Amino acid sequence: MTWIWVALGAGIGAVCRYELTVLGKIISPKLPFSTFFINIAGSLLAGFLTGCQVQGSWSLFLLTGLCGGFTTFSTFSVDTFVLIRNRQYLAAGLYWCGTVVLGMVAVGAGLWLGTLTV
């Protein structure tokens, strides 16, 4: 039954992301302002919900579902902040740097692999 809460939240989050992306391309077709806004807004919401200690079905719906469907960057941000709050500075630094660097490497690799199929 818990997966229903996650699925509902993720569906709403994904639709919100899509609509904001479409709007962002109309407003600024050359710059990814919509992605920037979505990632920052999702991080703000995830941090707020984490700070409010939302639990149970609400946590599944809002944090895992809505924020997860809206952006995975919010989860990355919360995870990093929790490590820092827990004074796990080395782990936080490695996690942050590793995610950013490997994310860029993965994008580059994916773009390269994608061009091989064309």
Protein backbone atom coordinates (compact mmCIF):
# COMPACT_ATOMS: atom_id res chain seq x y z
CA MET A 1 0.00 0.00 0.00
CA THR A 2 2.88 2.41 0.68
CA TRP A 3 3.93 2.40 -2.97
CA ILE A 4 0.65 4.13 -3.84
CA TRP A 5 1.71 7.22 -1.85
CA VAL A 6 5.08 7.26 -3.60
CA ALA A 7 3.50 6.81 -7.04
CA LEU A 8 0.93 9.56 -6.49
CA GLY A 9 3.56 12.01 -5.28
CA ALA A 10 5.98 11.11 -8.07
CA GLY A 11 3.31 11.55 -10.71
CA ILE A 12 2.39 15.00 -9.42
CA GLY A 13 6.07 15.96 -9.11
CA ALA A 14 6.86 14.82 -12.63
CA VAL A 15 3.91 16.72 -14.12
CA CYS A 16 4.93 19.87 -12.22
CA ARG A 17 8.48 19.52 -13.50
CA TYR A 18 7.25 19.05 -17.06
CA GLU A 19 4.96 22.09 -16.94
CA LEU A 20 7.69 24.30 -15.45
CA THR A 21 10.16 23.06 -18.05
CA VAL A 22 7.76 23.95 -20.87
CA LEU A 23 7.17 27.38 -19.34
CA GLY A 24 10.91 27.89 -18.83
CA LYS A 25 11.64 27.15 -22.49
CA ILE A 26 9.12 29.79 -23.51
CA ILE A 27 10.59 32.38 -21.14
CA SER A 28 14.24 31.55 -21.72
CA PRO A 29 14.81 29.11 -24.60
CA LYS A 30 18.62 29.23 -24.44
CA LEU A 31 19.29 28.96 -20.70
CA PRO A 32 18.19 26.20 -18.30
CA PHE A 33 16.53 28.52 -15.79
CA SER A 34 13.64 26.11 -15.34
CA THR A 35 16.00 23.30 -14.33
CA PHE A 36 17.86 25.62 -11.98
CA PHE A 37 14.58 26.78 -10.41
CA ILE A 38 13.21 23.24 -10.17
CA ASN A 39 16.37 21.95 -8.47
CA ILE A 40 16.57 24.82 -6.01
CA ALA A 41 12.82 24.76 -5.27
CA GLY A 42 12.91 20.99 -4.80
CA SER A 43 15.85 21.33 -2.43
CA LEU A 44 14.05 24.03 -0.47
CA LEU A 45 10.92 21.88 -0.21
CA ALA A 46 12.85 18.73 0.76
CA GLY A 47 14.82 20.65 3.38
CA PHE A 48 11.64 22.20 4.73
CA LEU A 49 9.86 18.84 4.94
CA THR A 50 12.90 17.20 6.52
CA GLY A 51 13.14 20.04 9.03
CA CYS A 52 9.44 19.61 9.81
CA GLN A 53 10.16 15.93 10.41
CA VAL A 54 7.36 14.80 8.12
CA GLN A 55 6.87 11.07 8.63
CA GLY A 56 4.76 8.13 7.60
CA SER A 57 2.51 8.34 4.56
CA TRP A 58 3.10 12.09 4.27
CA SER A 59 6.85 11.52 4.02
CA LEU A 60 6.35 8.88 1.34
CA PHE A 61 4.00 11.14 -0.61
CA LEU A 62 5.85 14.46 -0.25
CA LEU A 63 9.55 13.61 0.14
CA THR A 64 10.00 10.34 -1.70
CA GLY A 65 7.24 10.86 -4.25
CA LEU A 66 6.72 14.55 -4.93
CA CYS A 67 10.31 15.73 -4.44
CA GLY A 68 11.66 12.61 -6.12
CA GLY A 69 9.41 13.07 -9.13
CA PHE A 70 10.05 16.80 -9.23
CA THR A 71 13.83 16.53 -8.89
CA THR A 72 16.44 14.12 -7.63
CA PHE A 73 18.68 17.06 -6.88
CA SER A 74 16.63 17.73 -3.75
CA THR A 75 17.52 14.31 -2.39
CA PHE A 76 21.19 14.91 -3.15
CA SER A 77 21.05 18.24 -1.34
CA VAL A 78 19.32 16.84 1.74
CA ASP A 79 21.70 13.88 1.93
CA THR A 80 24.70 16.20 1.78
CA PHE A 81 23.26 18.55 4.40
CA VAL A 82 22.46 15.66 6.77
CA LEU A 83 26.08 14.46 6.51
CA ILE A 84 27.29 17.98 7.32
CA ARG A 85 24.81 18.35 10.17
CA ASN A 86 26.06 15.03 11.56
CA ARG A 87 29.63 16.39 11.30
CA GLN A 88 30.61 13.83 8.69
CA TYR A 89 32.52 16.46 6.75
CA LEU A 90 34.79 14.14 4.79
CA ALA A 91 31.87 11.94 3.72
CA ALA A 92 29.85 15.04 2.78
CA GLY A 93 32.71 16.45 0.70
CA LEU A 94 33.38 13.17 -1.06
CA TYR A 95 29.69 12.61 -1.69
CA TRP A 96 29.17 16.12 -3.05
CA CYS A 97 32.30 16.19 -5.22
CA GLY A 98 31.83 12.62 -6.38
CA THR A 99 28.22 13.20 -7.36
CA VAL A 100 28.95 16.40 -9.27
CA VAL A 101 32.08 15.11 -11.01
CA LEU A 102 30.74 11.65 -11.80
CA GLY A 103 27.41 13.15 -12.85
CA MET A 104 29.19 15.30 -15.41
CA VAL A 105 31.32 12.36 -16.55
CA ALA A 106 28.17 10.23 -16.89
CA VAL A 107 26.46 12.93 -18.95
CA GLY A 108 29.50 13.16 -21.21
CA ALA A 109 29.65 9.40 -21.57
CA GLY A 110 25.92 9.21 -22.25
CA LEU A 111 26.12 11.93 -24.88
CA TRP A 112 29.05 10.16 -26.53
CA LEU A 113 27.28 6.78 -26.47
CA GLY A 114 24.14 8.40 -27.82
CA THR A 115 26.02 9.80 -30.80
CA LEU A 116 27.20 6.28 -31.63
CA THR A 117 23.61 5.19 -32.25
CA VAL A 118 22.83 8.01 -34.68
